[in-house]
Amino acid sequence: MSPALVPAGPATRRTLTGAVVAVLALAPFLLGPYAIGTLSRILVFALLAMSVNLLTGLTGLPTLGQSAHFGVGAYTAAIVATGVSDIGILQLLIAAGVSALVAVPTGWLAVRARGVVFLMLTLAIGEIAYSAAVNWKSLTNGTDGMSGIPPVVPLPGVPALELDGLVYFYVLAVFLLLFAAIARLGRTPFALALRGIRDNEPRMRAIGYPTGRYALTAYCAAAALAGAAGALWVSVQRFVSPGDAGFETAALALLAVVIGGSGSMAGACAGAALVWLTRDYLGNLEALAGRGPLLLGLLFVIAVYTLPRGLAGVRIPPKPTRKRTA
């Protein structure tokens, strides 16, 4: 095997993971409020990209409908926060549960299809959710969105989080917990069955696996994760609008998975960060103002041609060894 193609070992991956977590934990002490707010949004978007990857990369079901579940979770969390409780963990659990429940009937229909048909069905589901957010004014306040959402209280007895840095630590804690849970899920027999469905569904069906049930379970789990991301989005923004459930959100999440590497949760997170920074940082520079979509298009083309396996496919060369001389 060529040295350039040697994959990183477990020790290297643990070292990289520890370094990334350390950098994320130290970020509020090194960056300003705007940068910290941006980093919080990147972490939320990374969770949404992970939910897309759970379907697209792990199960082989490319989706453009995760923005629907993201929007359901965001609106649910906003309604809970303004009318029921400002406890963050309660908002997260209710948002994830409602998103999963909404996914049951839509998923029952969608997982009967595969490939492009599944992609178009999820796109239609996303558009239905967007239209509902626009037209159900008594619940969502229409195109004006929902504002005046109180600051989140992570747990009972804890003060409300007013400062950007404190909100960031709350988002980071939830992100790390959910990332660890999804990583653990990826090592279970259930995940192996999903990979089997992705690679050869007829064979999995022939040996007795109920592939439709597995696909529906994965669909609902991805919806719950997207709903939790929507709840965190409300905690960061304290505002939600129909645009959060729109096509652009779904397309950017799928683009993040493609760039990061389909099948890799860490790659999905890296792709989410790259997509967000390209659109909202590079696209807002004075020399490139208004050219965010163009930059994203170029990024996608470059990634497809230079990184066919995405960022997760990059291999770390081993350290050179010195040959002993007699």
Protein backbone atom coordinates (compact mmCIF):
# COMPACT_ATOMS: atom_id res chain seq x y z
CA MET A 1 0.00 0.00 0.00
CA SER A 2 1.26 3.44 -0.91
CA PRO A 3 2.29 5.55 2.10
CA ALA A 4 -0.04 8.32 0.90
CA LEU A 5 -2.97 5.93 1.11
CA VAL A 6 -2.36 4.56 4.57
CA PRO A 7 -5.44 5.31 6.69
CA ALA A 8 -5.13 6.96 10.04
CA GLY A 9 -5.08 4.46 12.89
CA PRO A 10 -7.25 4.54 16.02
CA ALA A 11 -4.55 6.37 17.99
CA THR A 12 -4.31 9.08 15.34
CA ARG A 13 -8.08 9.47 15.20
CA ARG A 14 -8.28 9.77 18.97
CA THR A 15 -5.54 12.40 18.92
CA LEU A 16 -7.30 14.40 16.22
CA THR A 17 -10.64 14.14 18.03
CA GLY A 18 -9.09 15.31 21.27
CA ALA A 19 -7.40 18.24 19.53
CA VAL A 20 -10.66 19.32 17.85
CA VAL A 21 -12.61 19.12 21.12
CA ALA A 22 -9.90 21.12 22.91
CA VAL A 23 -9.97 23.83 20.25
CA LEU A 24 -13.77 24.00 20.39
CA ALA A 25 -13.71 24.25 24.20
CA LEU A 26 -11.13 27.06 24.15
CA ALA A 27 -12.82 29.02 21.34
CA PRO A 28 -14.86 31.40 23.58
CA PHE A 29 -11.66 32.51 25.30
CA LEU A 30 -9.96 33.29 21.98
CA LEU A 31 -12.70 34.65 19.70
CA GLY A 32 -15.12 37.55 19.76
CA PRO A 33 -18.92 37.38 20.14
CA TYR A 34 -19.63 37.37 16.38
CA ALA A 35 -17.20 34.51 15.74
CA ILE A 36 -18.61 32.54 18.66
CA GLY A 37 -22.15 33.03 17.35
CA THR A 38 -21.00 31.79 13.95
CA LEU A 39 -19.35 28.76 15.54
CA SER A 40 -22.57 27.94 17.40
CA ARG A 41 -24.50 28.01 14.11
CA ILE A 42 -21.87 25.78 12.49
CA LEU A 43 -22.31 23.18 15.24
CA VAL A 44 -26.09 23.23 14.76
CA PHE A 45 -25.68 22.90 11.00
CA ALA A 46 -23.23 20.03 11.54
CA LEU A 47 -25.93 18.13 13.45
CA LEU A 48 -28.31 18.67 10.54
CA ALA A 49 -25.64 17.40 8.14
CA MET A 50 -25.19 14.33 10.36
CA SER A 51 -28.91 13.62 10.10
CA VAL A 52 -28.63 13.79 6.31
CA ASN A 53 -25.61 11.49 6.43
CA LEU A 54 -27.52 8.98 8.54
CA LEU A 55 -29.86 8.52 5.57
CA THR A 56 -27.63 9.29 2.60
CA GLY A 57 -24.30 7.84 3.69
CA LEU A 58 -25.33 5.05 6.03
CA THR A 59 -28.60 3.85 4.47
CA GLY A 60 -28.09 4.93 0.85
CA LEU A 61 -31.16 7.17 0.74
CA PRO A 62 -30.22 10.62 -0.63
CA THR A 63 -32.55 13.20 0.88
CA LEU A 64 -33.56 16.80 0.30
CA GLY A 65 -36.20 16.80 3.01
CA GLN A 66 -34.28 17.14 6.28
CA SER A 67 -35.06 20.84 6.38
CA ALA A 68 -38.69 19.84 7.02
CA HIS A 69 -37.77 17.99 10.22
CA PHE A 70 -35.34 20.76 11.14
CA GLY A 71 -38.17 23.28 10.78
CA VAL A 72 -40.61 21.12 12.74
CA GLY A 73 -38.10 20.87 15.57
CA ALA A 74 -37.36 24.60 15.50
CA TYR A 75 -41.02 25.65 15.56
CA THR A 76 -41.81 23.07 18.25
CA ALA A 77 -38.97 24.35 20.43
CA ALA A 78 -40.08 27.96 19.86
CA ILE A 79 -43.67 27.14 20.87
CA VAL A 80 -42.50 25.28 23.96
CA ALA A 81 -40.11 28.08 24.91
CA THR A 82 -42.73 30.83 24.60
CA GLY A 83 -45.73 29.02 26.04
CA VAL A 84 -44.61 26.07 28.16
CA SER A 85 -41.05 26.13 29.50
CA ASP A 86 -37.66 27.71 28.83
CA ILE A 87 -35.80 24.57 29.94
CA GLY A 88 -33.47 23.61 27.11
CA ILE A 89 -33.44 19.85 27.69
CA LEU A 90 -37.24 19.80 27.61
CA GLN A 91 -37.29 21.75 24.35
CA LEU A 92 -34.76 19.33 22.84
CA LEU A 93 -36.67 16.21 23.83
CA ILE A 94 -40.06 17.50 22.70
CA ALA A 95 -38.67 18.85 19.42
CA ALA A 96 -36.92 15.55 18.64
CA GLY A 97 -40.03 13.55 19.58
CA VAL A 98 -42.42 15.65 17.49
CA SER A 99 -40.06 15.52 14.50
CA ALA A 100 -39.84 11.74 14.76
CA LEU A 101 -43.64 11.43 15.03
CA VAL A 102 -44.14 13.63 11.96
CA ALA A 103 -41.61 11.46 10.12
CA VAL A 104 -43.60 8.26 10.67
CA PRO A 105 -46.36 8.86 8.07
CA THR A 106 -44.10 10.72 5.62
CA GLY A 107 -41.38 8.11 6.02
CA TRP A 108 -43.83 5.24 5.54
CA LEU A 109 -44.51 6.67 2.10
CA ALA A 110 -40.98 7.80 1.22
CA VAL A 111 -39.00 4.66 2.12
CA ARG A 112 -41.02 2.62 -0.34
CA ALA A 113 -38.99 4.34 -3.06
CA ARG A 114 -35.28 4.41 -3.76
CA GLY A 115 -32.80 6.57 -5.64
CA VAL A 116 -34.06 9.61 -7.51
CA VAL A 117 -37.70 8.87 -6.65
CA PHE A 118 -36.88 8.94 -2.93
CA LEU A 119 -34.94 12.16 -3.43
CA MET A 120 -37.91 13.81 -5.16
CA LEU A 121 -40.36 12.58 -2.50
CA THR A 122 -38.25 14.08 0.27
CA LEU A 123 -38.00 17.32 -1.71
CA ALA A 124 -41.80 17.41 -1.90
CA ILE A 125 -42.04 16.76 1.85
CA GLY A 126 -39.70 19.68 2.46
CA GLU A 127 -41.77 21.98 0.26
CA ILE A 128 -44.96 20.93 2.07
CA ALA A 129 -43.34 21.79 5.41
CA TYR A 130 -42.21 25.16 4.05
CA SER A 131 -45.72 25.94 2.75
CA ALA A 132 -47.22 24.95 6.11
CA ALA A 133 -44.81 27.29 7.92
CA VAL A 134 -45.81 30.15 5.59
CA ASN A 135 -49.58 29.61 5.63
CA TRP A 136 -50.30 28.30 9.15
CA LYS A 137 -50.13 31.82 10.57
CA SER A 138 -52.01 31.08 13.77
CA LEU A 139 -49.23 28.71 14.81
CA THR A 140 -46.09 29.93 13.01
CA ASN A 141 -46.84 33.65 12.51
CA GLY A 142 -46.32 33.15 8.77
CA THR A 143 -43.52 34.89 6.94
CA ASP A 144 -42.91 37.20 9.91
CA GLY A 145 -41.53 34.27 11.86
CA MET A 146 -41.56 33.75 15.61
CA SER A 147 -39.54 36.18 17.68
CA GLY A 148 -39.38 37.15 21.34
CA ILE A 149 -38.18 33.68 22.31
CA PRO A 150 -36.72 33.77 25.85
CA PRO A 151 -33.08 32.78 26.45
CA VAL A 152 -32.59 29.09 27.06
CA VAL A 153 -32.17 27.59 30.52
CA PRO A 154 -30.13 24.39 30.05
CA LEU A 155 -31.37 22.58 33.19
CA PRO A 156 -33.75 23.39 36.03
CA GLY A 157 -32.09 25.65 38.58
CA VAL A 158 -29.52 27.00 36.13
CA PRO A 159 -29.64 30.71 35.18
CA ALA A 160 -30.80 31.67 31.69
CA LEU A 161 -27.99 31.90 29.13
CA GLU A 162 -27.80 35.50 27.98
CA LEU A 163 -24.20 35.69 26.72
CA ASP A 164 -23.10 34.24 23.37
CA GLY A 165 -20.27 32.32 25.01
CA LEU A 166 -22.58 30.57 27.47
CA VAL A 167 -25.03 29.65 24.72
CA TYR A 168 -22.08 28.29 22.74
CA PHE A 169 -21.02 26.02 25.61
CA TYR A 170 -24.60 24.70 25.82
CA VAL A 171 -24.69 24.01 22.08
CA LEU A 172 -21.23 22.40 22.22
CA ALA A 173 -22.25 20.11 25.09
CA VAL A 174 -25.37 18.92 23.25
CA PHE A 175 -23.41 18.53 20.01
CA LEU A 176 -20.74 16.35 21.65
CA LEU A 177 -23.37 14.17 23.34
CA LEU A 178 -25.30 13.63 20.11
CA PHE A 179 -22.12 13.07 18.10
CA ALA A 180 -20.99 10.41 20.60
CA ALA A 181 -24.43 8.77 20.44
CA ILE A 182 -24.40 8.64 16.65
CA ALA A 183 -20.81 7.34 16.65
CA ARG A 184 -21.89 4.58 19.04
CA LEU A 185 -24.88 3.82 16.82
CA GLY A 186 -22.52 3.41 13.88
CA ARG A 187 -20.88 0.42 15.60
CA THR A 188 -24.10 -1.49 16.31
CA PRO A 189 -25.64 -4.40 14.35
CA PHE A 190 -28.43 -2.01 13.35
CA ALA A 191 -25.91 0.21 11.53
CA LEU A 192 -24.37 -2.83 9.86
CA ALA A 193 -27.84 -3.78 8.58
CA LEU A 194 -28.29 -0.24 7.21
CA ARG A 195 -24.98 -0.51 5.37
CA GLY A 196 -26.13 -3.83 3.96
CA ILE A 197 -29.31 -2.17 2.68
CA ARG A 198 -27.21 0.56 1.12
CA ASP A 199 -24.84 -1.87 -0.61
CA ASN A 200 -27.18 -4.71 -1.62
CA GLU A 201 -30.78 -4.44 -0.49
CA PRO A 202 -32.11 -7.46 -2.49
CA ARG A 203 -29.60 -9.73 -0.76
CA MET A 204 -30.50 -8.33 2.67
CA ARG A 205 -34.15 -8.94 1.91
CA ALA A 206 -33.40 -12.45 0.68
CA ILE A 207 -31.72 -13.46 3.95
CA GLY A 208 -34.72 -12.27 5.96
CA TYR A 209 -34.09 -8.66 6.93
CA PRO A 210 -37.22 -6.43 6.90
CA THR A 211 -35.44 -3.71 4.95
CA GLY A 212 -38.47 -1.42 4.85
CA ARG A 213 -38.70 -1.33 8.64
CA TYR A 214 -34.98 -0.69 8.98
CA ALA A 215 -35.16 2.15 6.46
CA LEU A 216 -38.19 3.68 8.22
CA THR A 217 -36.42 3.47 11.60
CA ALA A 218 -33.37 5.21 10.13
CA TYR A 219 -35.64 7.84 8.58
CA CYS A 220 -37.31 8.58 11.94
CA ALA A 221 -33.98 8.62 13.79
CA ALA A 222 -32.58 11.10 11.26
CA ALA A 223 -35.72 13.22 11.71
CA ALA A 224 -35.29 13.22 15.49
CA LEU A 225 -31.67 14.34 15.12
CA ALA A 226 -32.71 17.10 12.72
CA GLY A 227 -35.45 18.15 15.16
CA ALA A 228 -32.92 18.39 17.99
CA ALA A 229 -30.75 20.55 15.73
CA GLY A 230 -33.78 22.77 15.11
CA ALA A 231 -34.28 23.20 18.86
CA LEU A 232 -30.64 24.25 19.25
CA TRP A 233 -31.09 26.67 16.35
CA VAL A 234 -33.85 28.41 18.28
CA SER A 235 -31.63 28.58 21.38
CA VAL A 236 -28.94 30.33 19.33
CA GLN A 237 -31.08 32.58 17.11
CA ARG A 238 -34.10 33.11 19.41
CA PHE A 239 -36.01 33.43 16.16
CA VAL A 240 -37.39 31.01 13.59
CA SER A 241 -38.90 31.64 10.15
CA PRO A 242 -40.18 29.55 7.22
CA GLY A 243 -36.81 29.97 5.50
CA ASP A 244 -35.29 27.65 8.08
CA ALA A 245 -37.48 24.86 6.67
CA GLY A 246 -36.82 25.82 3.05
CA PHE A 247 -35.02 24.15 0.16
CA GLU A 248 -31.78 26.08 0.62
CA THR A 249 -31.26 24.60 4.09
CA ALA A 250 -31.80 21.05 2.78
CA ALA A 251 -29.55 21.58 -0.23
CA LEU A 252 -26.70 23.00 1.87
CA ALA A 253 -26.92 20.06 4.29
CA LEU A 254 -26.72 17.55 1.43
CA LEU A 255 -23.84 19.53 -0.11
CA ALA A 256 -22.01 19.35 3.23
CA VAL A 257 -22.35 15.56 3.25
CA VAL A 258 -21.06 15.24 -0.32
CA ILE A 259 -18.06 17.49 0.37
CA GLY A 260 -17.32 15.94 3.75
CA GLY A 261 -17.61 12.36 2.55
CA SER A 262 -20.76 10.27 2.44
CA GLY A 263 -20.83 7.74 5.26
CA SER A 264 -18.54 9.61 7.64
CA MET A 265 -20.10 11.59 10.49
CA ALA A 266 -16.86 13.46 11.16
CA GLY A 267 -16.64 14.22 7.44
CA ALA A 268 -20.20 15.56 7.48
CA CYS A 269 -19.26 17.93 10.31
CA ALA A 270 -16.14 19.09 8.47
CA GLY A 271 -18.16 19.58 5.29
CA ALA A 272 -20.77 21.57 7.22
CA ALA A 273 -18.09 23.89 8.61
CA LEU A 274 -16.55 24.38 5.17
CA VAL A 275 -19.91 25.08 3.50
CA TRP A 276 -21.00 27.52 6.21
CA LEU A 277 -17.71 29.43 6.22
CA THR A 278 -17.64 29.58 2.42
CA ARG A 279 -21.15 31.01 2.25
CA ASP A 280 -21.20 33.31 5.26
CA TYR A 281 -17.54 34.34 5.64
CA LEU A 282 -15.86 34.23 2.25
CA GLY A 283 -19.12 35.21 0.54
CA ASN A 284 -19.33 38.37 2.67
CA LEU A 285 -15.81 39.61 2.08
CA GLU A 286 -15.71 42.96 0.31
CA ALA A 287 -14.02 41.54 -2.79
CA LEU A 288 -16.51 38.66 -3.03
CA ALA A 289 -19.68 40.27 -1.68
CA GLY A 290 -22.82 38.57 -3.00
CA ARG A 291 -20.91 35.69 -4.59
CA GLY A 292 -21.53 33.10 -1.89
CA PRO A 293 -23.55 30.75 -4.17
CA LEU A 294 -20.83 30.96 -6.85
CA LEU A 295 -18.17 30.04 -4.29
CA LEU A 296 -20.26 27.09 -3.11
CA GLY A 297 -20.61 25.88 -6.68
CA LEU A 298 -16.87 26.11 -7.24
CA LEU A 299 -16.24 24.34 -3.94
CA PHE A 300 -18.52 21.50 -4.97
CA VAL A 301 -16.82 21.08 -8.37
CA ILE A 302 -13.35 21.14 -6.83
CA ALA A 303 -14.34 18.63 -4.16
CA VAL A 304 -15.88 16.22 -6.68
CA TYR A 305 -12.80 16.23 -8.93
CA THR A 306 -10.04 16.35 -6.30
CA LEU A 307 -11.69 14.53 -3.37
CA PRO A 308 -14.04 11.88 -4.78
CA ARG A 309 -14.41 10.41 -1.27
CA GLY A 310 -14.77 13.81 0.35
CA LEU A 311 -12.75 15.25 3.17
CA ALA A 312 -13.12 11.97 5.05
CA GLY A 313 -11.21 10.24 2.25
CA VAL A 314 -8.05 12.22 2.90
CA ARG A 315 -5.33 9.92 4.21
CA ILE A 316 -2.57 10.90 6.59
CA PRO A 317 0.85 9.63 5.48
CA PRO A 318 2.78 7.74 8.14
CA LYS A 319 5.92 9.10 9.69
CA PRO A 320 9.02 8.18 7.65
CA THR A 321 11.16 5.50 9.23
CA ARG A 322 14.92 5.58 9.08
CA LYS A 323 16.61 2.55 7.65
CA ARG A 324 19.27 1.06 9.83
CA THR A 325 22.68 0.86 8.32
CA ALA A 326 25.13 -1.89 9.11
